N, C-alpha and C. Protein backbone atom coordinates (compact mmCIF):
# COMPACT_ATOMS: atom_id res chain seq x y z
N MET A 1 68.19 -113.29 107.09
CA MET A 1 67.53 -113.26 108.94
C MET A 1 68.29 -112.73 109.19
N LYS A 2 69.32 -112.77 109.40
CA LYS A 2 71.00 -112.90 110.39
C LYS A 2 71.02 -111.63 109.63
N ARG A 3 71.00 -111.23 108.21
CA ARG A 3 71.73 -109.94 108.15
C ARG A 3 70.45 -108.80 108.59
N LEU A 4 68.72 -109.00 108.63
CA LEU A 4 68.23 -108.14 108.87
C LEU A 4 68.32 -108.01 110.65
N ASN A 5 68.21 -109.32 111.48
CA ASN A 5 68.94 -108.60 112.83
C ASN A 5 70.38 -107.84 112.72
N LEU A 6 70.58 -108.17 112.12
CA LEU A 6 72.22 -107.13 111.88
C LEU A 6 72.11 -105.59 112.70
N ILE A 7 71.29 -105.67 111.11
CA ILE A 7 71.61 -104.75 111.02
C ILE A 7 69.78 -103.08 111.55
N VAL A 8 68.95 -104.30 112.83
CA VAL A 8 68.35 -103.86 113.48
C VAL A 8 68.66 -103.63 114.65
N ILE A 9 69.46 -104.23 115.14
CA ILE A 9 70.91 -104.01 116.45
C ILE A 9 71.47 -102.80 115.88
N CYS A 10 71.72 -102.81 114.92
CA CYS A 10 72.63 -101.99 114.47
C CYS A 10 72.41 -100.86 115.00
N ILE A 11 70.93 -100.38 114.23
CA ILE A 11 70.61 -98.98 114.03
C ILE A 11 69.78 -98.65 115.78
N ALA A 12 69.11 -99.93 115.76
CA ALA A 12 69.25 -100.07 117.74
C ALA A 12 69.76 -99.04 118.58
N GLY A 13 71.61 -100.04 118.16
CA GLY A 13 72.75 -99.57 118.72
C GLY A 13 73.28 -98.45 118.41
N PHE A 14 72.78 -97.09 117.78
CA PHE A 14 73.68 -96.09 117.30
C PHE A 14 71.96 -95.33 117.81
N ILE A 15 70.88 -95.53 117.76
CA ILE A 15 69.92 -94.33 118.17
C ILE A 15 69.96 -94.53 120.30
N SER A 16 70.48 -95.94 120.48
CA SER A 16 70.68 -95.44 121.72
C SER A 16 71.98 -94.34 122.00
N LEU A 17 73.37 -94.92 121.79
CA LEU A 17 74.42 -93.91 121.88
C LEU A 17 73.53 -92.46 121.07
N SER A 18 73.57 -92.12 120.25
CA SER A 18 72.54 -91.16 120.31
C SER A 18 72.15 -90.48 121.03
N PHE A 19 71.23 -90.82 121.68
CA PHE A 19 69.90 -90.54 122.54
C PHE A 19 70.86 -89.99 123.81
N LEU A 20 72.37 -91.13 125.01
CA LEU A 20 72.87 -91.19 125.50
C LEU A 20 74.02 -90.16 125.53
N SER A 21 74.04 -89.75 124.22
CA SER A 21 75.42 -88.38 124.36
C SER A 21 74.60 -87.06 123.69
N TYR A 22 73.41 -86.64 123.91
CA TYR A 22 72.47 -85.84 123.58
C TYR A 22 71.99 -85.50 125.09
N MET A 23 71.28 -86.78 126.53
CA MET A 23 71.69 -86.55 127.75
C MET A 23 72.61 -85.94 128.20
N ILE A 24 74.57 -86.58 127.39
CA ILE A 24 75.13 -85.78 128.90
C ILE A 24 75.32 -84.41 128.07
N ILE A 25 75.77 -84.02 126.88
CA ILE A 25 75.46 -83.03 126.15
C ILE A 25 74.51 -81.54 127.01
N GLN A 26 73.25 -82.39 126.90
CA GLN A 26 72.46 -81.00 127.66
C GLN A 26 73.58 -81.37 128.84
N TYR A 27 73.37 -82.23 130.11
CA TYR A 27 73.28 -82.48 131.65
C TYR A 27 74.93 -80.96 131.07
N TYR A 28 75.65 -81.18 130.63
CA TYR A 28 76.64 -80.26 131.20
C TYR A 28 77.05 -78.63 130.48
N GLN A 29 75.70 -78.41 129.53
CA GLN A 29 75.07 -77.53 129.44
C GLN A 29 74.55 -76.40 129.61
N ARG A 30 74.30 -77.38 131.41
CA ARG A 30 73.51 -76.50 131.97
C ARG A 30 74.24 -75.61 132.63
N PRO A 31 73.59 -74.69 132.47
CA PRO A 31 74.61 -73.32 134.47
C PRO A 31 74.52 -73.97 135.56
N ASP A 32 75.65 -73.79 136.55
CA ASP A 32 75.20 -74.44 138.48
C ASP A 32 74.11 -74.20 138.71
N TYR A 33 73.80 -72.28 138.64
CA TYR A 33 73.01 -71.89 139.46
C TYR A 33 72.27 -71.22 138.91
N SER A 34 70.52 -71.87 138.65
CA SER A 34 69.60 -71.35 137.62
C SER A 34 68.37 -71.36 137.82
N LEU A 35 67.12 -70.43 137.86
CA LEU A 35 66.36 -70.64 138.85
C LEU A 35 64.75 -70.65 137.26
N GLU A 36 63.90 -71.58 136.92
CA GLU A 36 63.24 -71.22 135.72
C GLU A 36 61.34 -71.06 137.01
N VAL A 37 61.18 -69.72 136.61
CA VAL A 37 59.60 -69.54 137.38
C VAL A 37 58.54 -69.39 136.69
N ASP A 38 57.58 -69.85 136.70
CA ASP A 38 56.29 -69.68 136.89
C ASP A 38 54.99 -69.47 137.26
N ALA A 39 55.04 -68.22 136.99
CA ALA A 39 53.91 -67.67 137.82
C ALA A 39 52.80 -67.03 136.60
N MET A 40 51.68 -67.70 137.37
CA MET A 40 50.09 -67.94 136.95
C MET A 40 49.28 -66.97 137.85
N ARG A 41 48.09 -66.32 137.11
CA ARG A 41 47.31 -65.80 137.80
C ARG A 41 46.11 -66.19 136.68
N GLU A 42 45.06 -67.43 137.39
CA GLU A 42 43.61 -67.24 136.84
C GLU A 42 42.25 -66.63 137.16
N ASP A 43 42.12 -65.51 136.66
CA ASP A 43 41.14 -64.77 137.30
C ASP A 43 39.45 -65.85 137.27
N GLN A 44 39.22 -66.45 137.91
CA GLN A 44 37.34 -66.20 138.36
C GLN A 44 36.39 -65.26 138.42
N SER A 45 35.23 -65.85 137.89
CA SER A 45 34.39 -65.21 138.70
C SER A 45 33.33 -64.36 139.77
N LEU A 46 34.06 -65.03 141.23
CA LEU A 46 34.19 -64.51 142.17
C LEU A 46 35.56 -64.49 142.47
N PHE A 47 36.97 -66.03 142.34
CA PHE A 47 38.01 -64.64 143.01
C PHE A 47 38.88 -64.88 141.91
N THR A 48 39.97 -65.09 142.11
CA THR A 48 41.69 -65.09 142.37
C THR A 48 41.80 -67.11 142.21
N ASN A 49 42.51 -67.05 141.17
CA ASN A 49 43.69 -68.75 141.48
C ASN A 49 45.17 -68.12 141.41
N SER A 50 46.13 -67.88 142.28
CA SER A 50 47.11 -67.71 141.86
C SER A 50 48.72 -68.55 141.86
N ARG A 51 49.51 -68.38 142.09
CA ARG A 51 50.83 -69.97 142.28
C ARG A 51 51.79 -69.52 141.52
N ILE A 52 53.42 -69.36 142.06
CA ILE A 52 53.99 -69.79 141.58
C ILE A 52 54.76 -70.60 141.42
N ILE A 53 55.74 -71.11 141.00
CA ILE A 53 56.52 -72.30 140.93
C ILE A 53 57.77 -72.59 140.37
N LEU A 54 58.89 -72.07 141.60
CA LEU A 54 60.58 -72.03 141.37
C LEU A 54 61.07 -73.94 141.23
N THR A 55 61.27 -73.78 140.03
CA THR A 55 62.26 -75.29 139.89
C THR A 55 64.22 -74.59 139.83
N ASN A 56 64.67 -75.40 140.61
CA ASN A 56 66.11 -75.01 139.93
C ASN A 56 66.54 -76.32 138.95
N VAL A 57 66.87 -75.44 137.69
CA VAL A 57 67.41 -76.08 137.40
C VAL A 57 68.49 -75.62 136.75
N GLY A 58 69.36 -75.48 137.65
CA GLY A 58 71.19 -75.96 137.63
C GLY A 58 71.81 -76.86 137.59
N LYS A 59 72.82 -77.35 138.38
CA LYS A 59 73.12 -78.56 138.87
C LYS A 59 73.91 -77.67 140.18
N GLN A 60 73.69 -76.96 140.92
CA GLN A 60 73.74 -76.83 142.61
C GLN A 60 73.15 -76.40 142.64
N PRO A 61 73.14 -76.68 144.23
CA PRO A 61 71.52 -75.63 145.31
C PRO A 61 71.83 -74.30 145.27
N VAL A 62 70.53 -73.64 144.26
CA VAL A 62 70.25 -72.53 145.08
C VAL A 62 69.79 -72.01 146.30
N THR A 63 70.91 -70.92 146.81
CA THR A 63 70.65 -70.68 148.41
C THR A 63 70.27 -68.91 148.08
N HIS A 64 69.28 -68.98 149.71
CA HIS A 64 68.99 -67.22 149.64
C HIS A 64 68.02 -66.34 149.24
N ILE A 65 67.08 -67.34 148.49
CA ILE A 65 66.09 -67.11 147.23
C ILE A 65 64.20 -65.84 148.01
N VAL A 66 64.48 -64.98 148.39
CA VAL A 66 63.70 -64.09 148.16
C VAL A 66 62.68 -63.67 147.05
N VAL A 67 60.92 -64.35 147.60
CA VAL A 67 60.23 -64.05 146.81
C VAL A 67 59.28 -61.99 147.04
N ASP A 68 59.16 -61.59 145.82
CA ASP A 68 59.32 -60.39 145.95
C ASP A 68 57.30 -60.23 145.88
N TYR A 69 56.97 -59.72 146.30
CA TYR A 69 55.25 -60.26 145.92
C TYR A 69 54.95 -59.06 145.61
N GLY A 70 55.19 -57.55 145.86
CA GLY A 70 54.92 -56.22 145.92
C GLY A 70 54.77 -55.65 147.21
N ILE A 71 53.50 -56.42 148.57
CA ILE A 71 53.59 -55.64 149.31
C ILE A 71 53.65 -56.32 150.36
N LYS A 72 54.35 -58.19 149.57
CA LYS A 72 55.29 -59.37 150.78
C LYS A 72 56.70 -59.46 150.31
N THR A 73 57.53 -59.66 151.49
CA THR A 73 57.90 -60.68 150.85
C THR A 73 58.10 -62.44 151.59
N GLU A 74 58.49 -63.54 150.94
CA GLU A 74 59.29 -64.62 151.34
C GLU A 74 60.41 -65.58 150.99
N THR A 75 60.71 -65.88 152.12
CA THR A 75 62.97 -65.79 151.68
C THR A 75 62.38 -67.65 151.37
N ILE A 76 63.28 -67.89 150.64
CA ILE A 76 63.99 -69.32 151.20
C ILE A 76 65.05 -70.00 151.10
N GLN A 77 65.51 -70.55 152.12
CA GLN A 77 66.82 -70.97 151.93
C GLN A 77 67.21 -71.25 151.03
N THR A 78 66.74 -72.71 150.23
CA THR A 78 67.62 -73.73 149.54
C THR A 78 66.65 -74.35 148.73
N ILE A 79 66.71 -73.96 147.40
CA ILE A 79 66.97 -75.35 146.14
C ILE A 79 67.36 -76.06 145.36
N ASN A 80 67.33 -77.63 146.09
CA ASN A 80 68.62 -78.23 145.13
C ASN A 80 68.22 -78.36 143.74
N PRO A 81 68.94 -79.09 142.88
CA PRO A 81 68.52 -79.07 141.95
C PRO A 81 67.43 -79.63 141.34
N GLY A 82 66.61 -79.61 140.70
CA GLY A 82 65.70 -80.64 140.21
C GLY A 82 64.45 -80.11 140.89
N GLU A 83 64.56 -79.46 142.17
CA GLU A 83 62.96 -80.26 142.90
C GLU A 83 62.63 -78.33 142.12
N LYS A 84 61.20 -78.73 142.43
CA LYS A 84 60.12 -77.79 142.57
C LYS A 84 59.37 -77.08 143.77
N ILE A 85 59.79 -76.01 143.89
CA ILE A 85 58.30 -75.69 145.08
C ILE A 85 57.31 -74.87 144.41
N SER A 86 56.37 -75.36 145.19
CA SER A 86 54.83 -74.16 144.95
C SER A 86 54.84 -73.28 145.87
N LEU A 87 54.28 -71.65 145.51
CA LEU A 87 54.17 -70.56 146.09
C LEU A 87 52.85 -70.28 146.05
N SER A 88 52.28 -69.08 147.05
CA SER A 88 50.99 -68.56 146.43
C SER A 88 50.97 -66.87 147.45
N PRO A 89 50.02 -66.90 146.03
CA PRO A 89 50.74 -65.00 146.48
C PRO A 89 49.74 -65.05 147.50
N PRO A 90 50.24 -63.41 148.78
CA PRO A 90 49.21 -63.42 149.93
C PRO A 90 48.60 -63.20 149.61
N GLU A 91 47.60 -62.96 150.16
CA GLU A 91 45.75 -62.03 149.15
C GLU A 91 46.74 -60.81 149.87
N GLY A 92 45.64 -59.47 148.40
CA GLY A 92 46.35 -57.98 148.15
C GLY A 92 48.25 -57.80 147.48
N SER A 93 48.30 -59.26 146.70
CA SER A 93 49.53 -58.65 146.19
C SER A 93 49.61 -58.69 144.96
N ASN A 94 49.96 -57.63 144.15
CA ASN A 94 50.75 -57.70 142.97
C ASN A 94 50.45 -58.40 142.19
N LEU A 95 49.64 -58.83 141.24
CA LEU A 95 49.27 -60.09 140.73
C LEU A 95 49.41 -59.73 139.24
N ASN A 96 50.52 -58.85 138.81
CA ASN A 96 51.43 -58.25 137.80
C ASN A 96 52.22 -58.69 137.25
N LEU A 97 53.37 -58.29 137.84
CA LEU A 97 54.57 -58.68 138.45
C LEU A 97 55.44 -59.12 140.03
N VAL A 98 56.21 -60.31 139.14
CA VAL A 98 56.47 -61.20 141.02
C VAL A 98 58.21 -60.54 140.55
N ARG A 99 59.77 -60.63 141.64
CA ARG A 99 60.51 -60.70 141.41
C ARG A 99 61.55 -61.81 142.43
N ILE A 100 62.14 -62.57 141.60
CA ILE A 100 62.54 -63.42 142.91
C ILE A 100 64.41 -62.93 142.56
N VAL A 101 64.85 -63.03 144.11
CA VAL A 101 66.96 -63.06 143.63
C VAL A 101 67.64 -63.99 144.40
N ALA A 102 67.67 -64.57 143.84
CA ALA A 102 68.96 -65.54 145.32
C ALA A 102 70.65 -64.71 144.39
N ASP A 103 71.29 -65.38 146.05
CA ASP A 103 72.55 -66.54 145.76
C ASP A 103 72.59 -66.02 143.95
N ASN A 104 74.19 -65.98 143.52
CA ASN A 104 75.04 -66.44 142.62
C ASN A 104 74.41 -65.13 141.27
N ASP A 105 74.03 -64.00 141.86
CA ASP A 105 73.41 -62.94 141.37
C ASP A 105 72.26 -64.10 140.04
N ILE A 106 71.93 -64.69 140.94
CA ILE A 106 69.50 -64.69 140.50
C ILE A 106 69.47 -63.31 140.58
N ASN A 107 68.09 -62.94 139.50
CA ASN A 107 67.93 -61.22 140.11
C ASN A 107 66.20 -62.15 138.90
N ILE A 108 65.14 -62.62 138.75
CA ILE A 108 64.26 -62.96 138.21
C ILE A 108 63.62 -61.66 138.27
N THR A 109 63.24 -61.34 137.21
CA THR A 109 61.11 -60.83 137.04
C THR A 109 60.13 -60.87 136.54
N THR A 110 59.70 -60.84 136.33
CA THR A 110 58.01 -62.09 135.08
C THR A 110 56.67 -61.76 135.82
N GLY A 111 56.32 -60.97 134.91
CA GLY A 111 54.68 -61.30 135.01
C GLY A 111 54.25 -63.08 134.91
N TYR A 112 53.48 -62.48 135.44
CA TYR A 112 51.75 -63.85 135.56
C TYR A 112 51.36 -64.01 134.02
N ARG A 113 51.49 -65.11 133.60
CA ARG A 113 50.53 -66.23 132.97
C ARG A 113 49.22 -66.60 132.98
N THR A 114 48.02 -65.85 132.63
CA THR A 114 47.07 -66.86 132.64
C THR A 114 46.78 -67.72 131.53
N PRO A 115 46.45 -68.93 131.58
CA PRO A 115 45.66 -70.03 131.60
C PRO A 115 44.44 -69.50 130.03
N ILE A 116 44.44 -70.46 128.88
CA ILE A 116 43.67 -69.60 128.23
C ILE A 116 42.40 -70.56 128.71
N LYS A 117 41.24 -70.15 128.05
CA LYS A 117 39.82 -70.29 128.61
C LYS A 117 39.21 -71.30 127.75
N MET A 118 38.73 -72.54 128.28
CA MET A 118 38.19 -73.28 127.42
C MET A 118 36.38 -73.28 128.05
N PRO A 119 35.54 -73.62 126.69
CA PRO A 119 34.18 -72.94 126.95
C PRO A 119 34.29 -74.31 127.91
N GLY A 120 33.26 -74.60 128.46
CA GLY A 120 33.15 -75.37 129.29
C GLY A 120 34.00 -75.32 131.31
N MET A 121 34.64 -74.40 131.02
CA MET A 121 36.21 -74.86 132.29
C MET A 121 35.07 -74.05 133.87
N MET A 122 36.11 -73.92 134.81
CA MET A 122 35.42 -73.13 135.37
C MET A 122 36.63 -72.04 135.43
N GLY A 123 35.41 -71.02 135.45
CA GLY A 123 35.77 -69.33 135.05
C GLY A 123 35.88 -68.94 134.33
N SER A 124 35.44 -69.96 132.12
CA SER A 124 35.37 -69.18 131.41
C SER A 124 34.04 -68.44 131.08
């Protein structure tokens, strides 16, 4: 019985140490300045829902973010590491592409994604 307990403790310790090592490696492999952009457009029968979520996935704050919707721009001063900001494009915006430019050579142009329509869901 004591031997079984020792084996279980060793396995649990190995798993915990492996997980901790993985988390440390993931942290140090992140770039200093990086943004993740999720632009979504959902076409309904009467209207279109659209949103853009900006997430700072870097280790440092991203500053002077300019979001270009095509007809209008929006400026955000700072997004701290791990912070998410949700934006709504103004009416009449081009819902094909959005461009985000920020300090530290961040320049992202991405298309809007559309969610899969499920039977019985609104807009399907």
